[in-house]
């Protein structure tokens, strides 16, 4: 499921990032990697705030829809 539909405040595992290589590398630099842990803190109209490692990131709905978690 996309991260925007994940349950709030529950640590999930990133299963797939459906984006081109440039975007995928940028997300890796931010700490979002396949197999890594991510927690949804807030979701409003598809835009999300996530906790990755010990930092918070804001992702727009297009990018959040490309990050699949379980």
N, C-alpha and C. Protein backbone atom coordinates (compact mmCIF):
# COMPACT_ATOMS: atom_id res chain seq x y z
N UNK A 1 0.84 -1.18 0.00
CA UNK A 1 0.00 0.00 0.00
C UNK A 1 0.88 1.24 0.00
N UNK A 2 0.42 2.32 -0.61
CA UNK A 2 1.19 3.57 -0.57
C UNK A 2 1.27 4.11 0.87
N UNK A 3 2.34 4.81 1.17
CA UNK A 3 2.56 5.31 2.52
C UNK A 3 1.41 6.22 2.99
N UNK A 4 0.75 6.91 2.07
CA UNK A 4 -0.34 7.82 2.44
C UNK A 4 -1.53 7.07 3.05
N UNK A 5 -1.66 5.77 2.76
CA UNK A 5 -2.78 4.99 3.27
C UNK A 5 -2.38 4.10 4.44
N UNK A 6 -1.15 4.19 4.88
CA UNK A 6 -0.68 3.38 6.00
C UNK A 6 -1.29 3.89 7.30
N UNK A 7 -1.40 3.03 8.31
CA UNK A 7 -1.91 3.49 9.60
C UNK A 7 -0.93 4.47 10.25
N UNK A 8 -1.46 5.50 10.87
CA UNK A 8 -0.62 6.51 11.52
C UNK A 8 0.11 5.93 12.72
N UNK A 9 1.29 6.46 12.96
CA UNK A 9 2.11 6.12 14.12
C UNK A 9 2.43 4.63 14.22
N UNK A 10 2.52 3.96 13.07
CA UNK A 10 2.90 2.55 13.03
C UNK A 10 4.12 2.43 12.13
N UNK A 11 5.17 1.82 12.65
CA UNK A 11 6.39 1.65 11.86
C UNK A 11 6.14 0.62 10.76
N UNK A 12 6.44 0.99 9.53
CA UNK A 12 6.23 0.12 8.38
C UNK A 12 7.58 -0.09 7.68
N UNK A 13 7.64 -1.10 6.83
CA UNK A 13 8.84 -1.39 6.04
C UNK A 13 8.60 -0.97 4.60
N UNK A 14 9.54 -0.24 4.03
CA UNK A 14 9.44 0.17 2.63
C UNK A 14 9.69 -1.06 1.77
N UNK A 15 8.71 -1.40 0.90
CA UNK A 15 8.83 -2.57 0.05
C UNK A 15 9.25 -2.23 -1.37
N UNK A 16 8.83 -1.04 -1.86
CA UNK A 16 9.15 -0.68 -3.24
C UNK A 16 9.06 0.82 -3.40
N UNK A 17 9.94 1.37 -4.22
CA UNK A 17 9.88 2.79 -4.58
C UNK A 17 9.74 2.84 -6.09
N UNK A 18 8.55 3.22 -6.55
CA UNK A 18 8.26 3.26 -7.99
C UNK A 18 8.57 4.64 -8.55
N UNK A 19 9.82 4.89 -8.77
CA UNK A 19 10.24 6.20 -9.28
C UNK A 19 11.48 6.01 -10.14
N UNK A 20 11.80 7.03 -10.93
CA UNK A 20 13.00 6.94 -11.76
C UNK A 20 14.24 6.98 -10.87
N UNK A 21 15.36 6.60 -11.43
CA UNK A 21 16.60 6.45 -10.66
C UNK A 21 17.01 7.72 -9.92
N UNK A 22 16.85 8.87 -10.56
CA UNK A 22 17.25 10.13 -9.93
C UNK A 22 16.44 10.38 -8.65
N UNK A 23 15.15 10.14 -8.70
CA UNK A 23 14.29 10.34 -7.53
C UNK A 23 14.60 9.29 -6.48
N UNK A 24 14.81 8.05 -6.89
CA UNK A 24 15.12 6.98 -5.95
C UNK A 24 16.43 7.26 -5.21
N UNK A 25 17.44 7.77 -5.93
CA UNK A 25 18.71 8.12 -5.28
C UNK A 25 18.52 9.25 -4.28
N UNK A 26 17.70 10.24 -4.64
CA UNK A 26 17.44 11.35 -3.73
C UNK A 26 16.76 10.85 -2.46
N UNK A 27 15.79 9.97 -2.59
CA UNK A 27 15.11 9.41 -1.42
C UNK A 27 16.08 8.60 -0.56
N UNK A 28 17.01 7.88 -1.20
CA UNK A 28 18.02 7.13 -0.46
C UNK A 28 18.89 8.07 0.36
N UNK A 29 19.24 9.21 -0.21
CA UNK A 29 20.04 10.19 0.52
C UNK A 29 19.29 10.74 1.72
N UNK A 30 17.96 10.77 1.62
CA UNK A 30 17.13 11.23 2.74
C UNK A 30 16.87 10.13 3.77
N UNK A 31 17.26 8.89 3.44
CA UNK A 31 17.10 7.79 4.38
C UNK A 31 15.96 6.84 4.05
N UNK A 32 15.24 7.08 2.95
CA UNK A 32 14.14 6.20 2.55
C UNK A 32 14.69 5.18 1.57
N UNK A 33 14.86 3.94 2.04
CA UNK A 33 15.42 2.87 1.22
C UNK A 33 14.52 1.65 1.29
N UNK A 34 14.57 0.82 0.26
CA UNK A 34 13.81 -0.43 0.26
C UNK A 34 14.35 -1.29 1.41
N UNK A 35 13.44 -1.78 2.23
CA UNK A 35 13.82 -2.56 3.40
C UNK A 35 13.96 -1.72 4.66
N UNK A 36 13.98 -0.40 4.49
CA UNK A 36 14.12 0.51 5.64
C UNK A 36 12.79 0.73 6.34
N UNK A 37 12.86 1.27 7.52
CA UNK A 37 11.67 1.54 8.33
C UNK A 37 11.22 2.99 8.13
N UNK A 38 9.90 3.18 8.12
CA UNK A 38 9.30 4.51 7.95
C UNK A 38 8.00 4.54 8.73
N UNK A 39 7.69 5.68 9.34
CA UNK A 39 6.48 5.83 10.14
C UNK A 39 5.69 7.02 9.62
N UNK A 40 4.42 6.82 9.32
CA UNK A 40 3.54 7.90 8.90
C UNK A 40 3.09 8.68 10.13
N UNK A 41 3.38 9.97 10.17
CA UNK A 41 2.95 10.80 11.29
C UNK A 41 1.65 11.53 10.98
N UNK A 42 1.50 11.99 9.73
CA UNK A 42 0.33 12.78 9.36
C UNK A 42 0.07 12.64 7.87
N UNK A 43 -1.21 12.64 7.49
CA UNK A 43 -1.59 12.60 6.09
C UNK A 43 -2.77 13.52 5.87
N UNK A 44 -2.60 14.52 4.99
CA UNK A 44 -3.66 15.46 4.67
C UNK A 44 -3.73 15.59 3.16
N UNK A 45 -4.85 15.19 2.58
CA UNK A 45 -5.06 15.26 1.12
C UNK A 45 -3.98 14.54 0.33
N UNK A 46 -3.42 13.47 0.89
CA UNK A 46 -2.38 12.71 0.20
C UNK A 46 -0.97 13.18 0.50
N UNK A 47 -0.80 14.41 0.97
CA UNK A 47 0.52 14.90 1.38
C UNK A 47 0.81 14.31 2.76
N UNK A 48 2.05 13.90 2.98
CA UNK A 48 2.36 13.19 4.22
C UNK A 48 3.56 13.78 4.94
N UNK A 49 3.60 13.55 6.23
CA UNK A 49 4.78 13.81 7.05
C UNK A 49 5.17 12.45 7.61
N UNK A 50 6.41 12.07 7.36
CA UNK A 50 6.89 10.76 7.79
C UNK A 50 8.11 10.91 8.69
N UNK A 51 8.31 9.91 9.51
CA UNK A 51 9.49 9.83 10.37
C UNK A 51 10.41 8.79 9.77
N UNK A 52 11.61 9.21 9.41
CA UNK A 52 12.62 8.31 8.85
C UNK A 52 13.85 8.44 9.73
N UNK A 53 14.23 7.31 10.30
CA UNK A 53 15.31 7.29 11.29
C UNK A 53 14.92 8.26 12.41
N UNK A 54 15.59 9.37 12.57
CA UNK A 54 15.19 10.31 13.63
C UNK A 54 14.81 11.67 13.09
N UNK A 55 14.49 11.73 11.79
CA UNK A 55 14.11 13.00 11.17
C UNK A 55 12.73 12.94 10.54
N UNK A 56 12.10 14.09 10.45
CA UNK A 56 10.78 14.19 9.83
C UNK A 56 10.94 14.74 8.41
N UNK A 57 10.17 14.17 7.49
CA UNK A 57 10.17 14.62 6.11
C UNK A 57 8.73 14.87 5.66
N UNK A 58 8.55 15.88 4.84
CA UNK A 58 7.25 16.15 4.24
C UNK A 58 7.34 15.75 2.77
N UNK A 59 6.40 14.92 2.32
CA UNK A 59 6.38 14.45 0.94
C UNK A 59 5.05 14.82 0.30
N UNK A 60 5.09 15.29 -0.94
CA UNK A 60 3.84 15.60 -1.63
C UNK A 60 3.14 14.31 -2.03
N UNK A 61 1.87 14.43 -2.43
CA UNK A 61 1.07 13.23 -2.69
C UNK A 61 1.58 12.40 -3.86
N UNK A 62 2.22 13.03 -4.84
CA UNK A 62 2.76 12.29 -5.98
C UNK A 62 3.90 11.38 -5.52
N UNK A 63 4.82 11.92 -4.77
CA UNK A 63 5.95 11.14 -4.28
C UNK A 63 5.51 10.13 -3.24
N UNK A 64 4.59 10.50 -2.37
CA UNK A 64 4.10 9.56 -1.35
C UNK A 64 3.40 8.37 -1.99
N UNK A 65 2.76 8.57 -3.13
CA UNK A 65 2.10 7.48 -3.82
C UNK A 65 3.05 6.49 -4.45
N UNK A 66 4.31 6.87 -4.60
CA UNK A 66 5.31 5.99 -5.20
C UNK A 66 6.06 5.15 -4.17
N UNK A 67 5.85 5.43 -2.89
CA UNK A 67 6.52 4.68 -1.83
C UNK A 67 5.53 3.65 -1.28
N UNK A 68 5.81 2.38 -1.54
CA UNK A 68 4.92 1.30 -1.10
C UNK A 68 5.48 0.65 0.15
N UNK A 69 4.61 0.43 1.12
CA UNK A 69 5.03 -0.12 2.41
C UNK A 69 4.16 -1.32 2.79
N UNK A 70 4.62 -2.06 3.76
CA UNK A 70 3.82 -3.15 4.32
C UNK A 70 4.13 -3.30 5.79
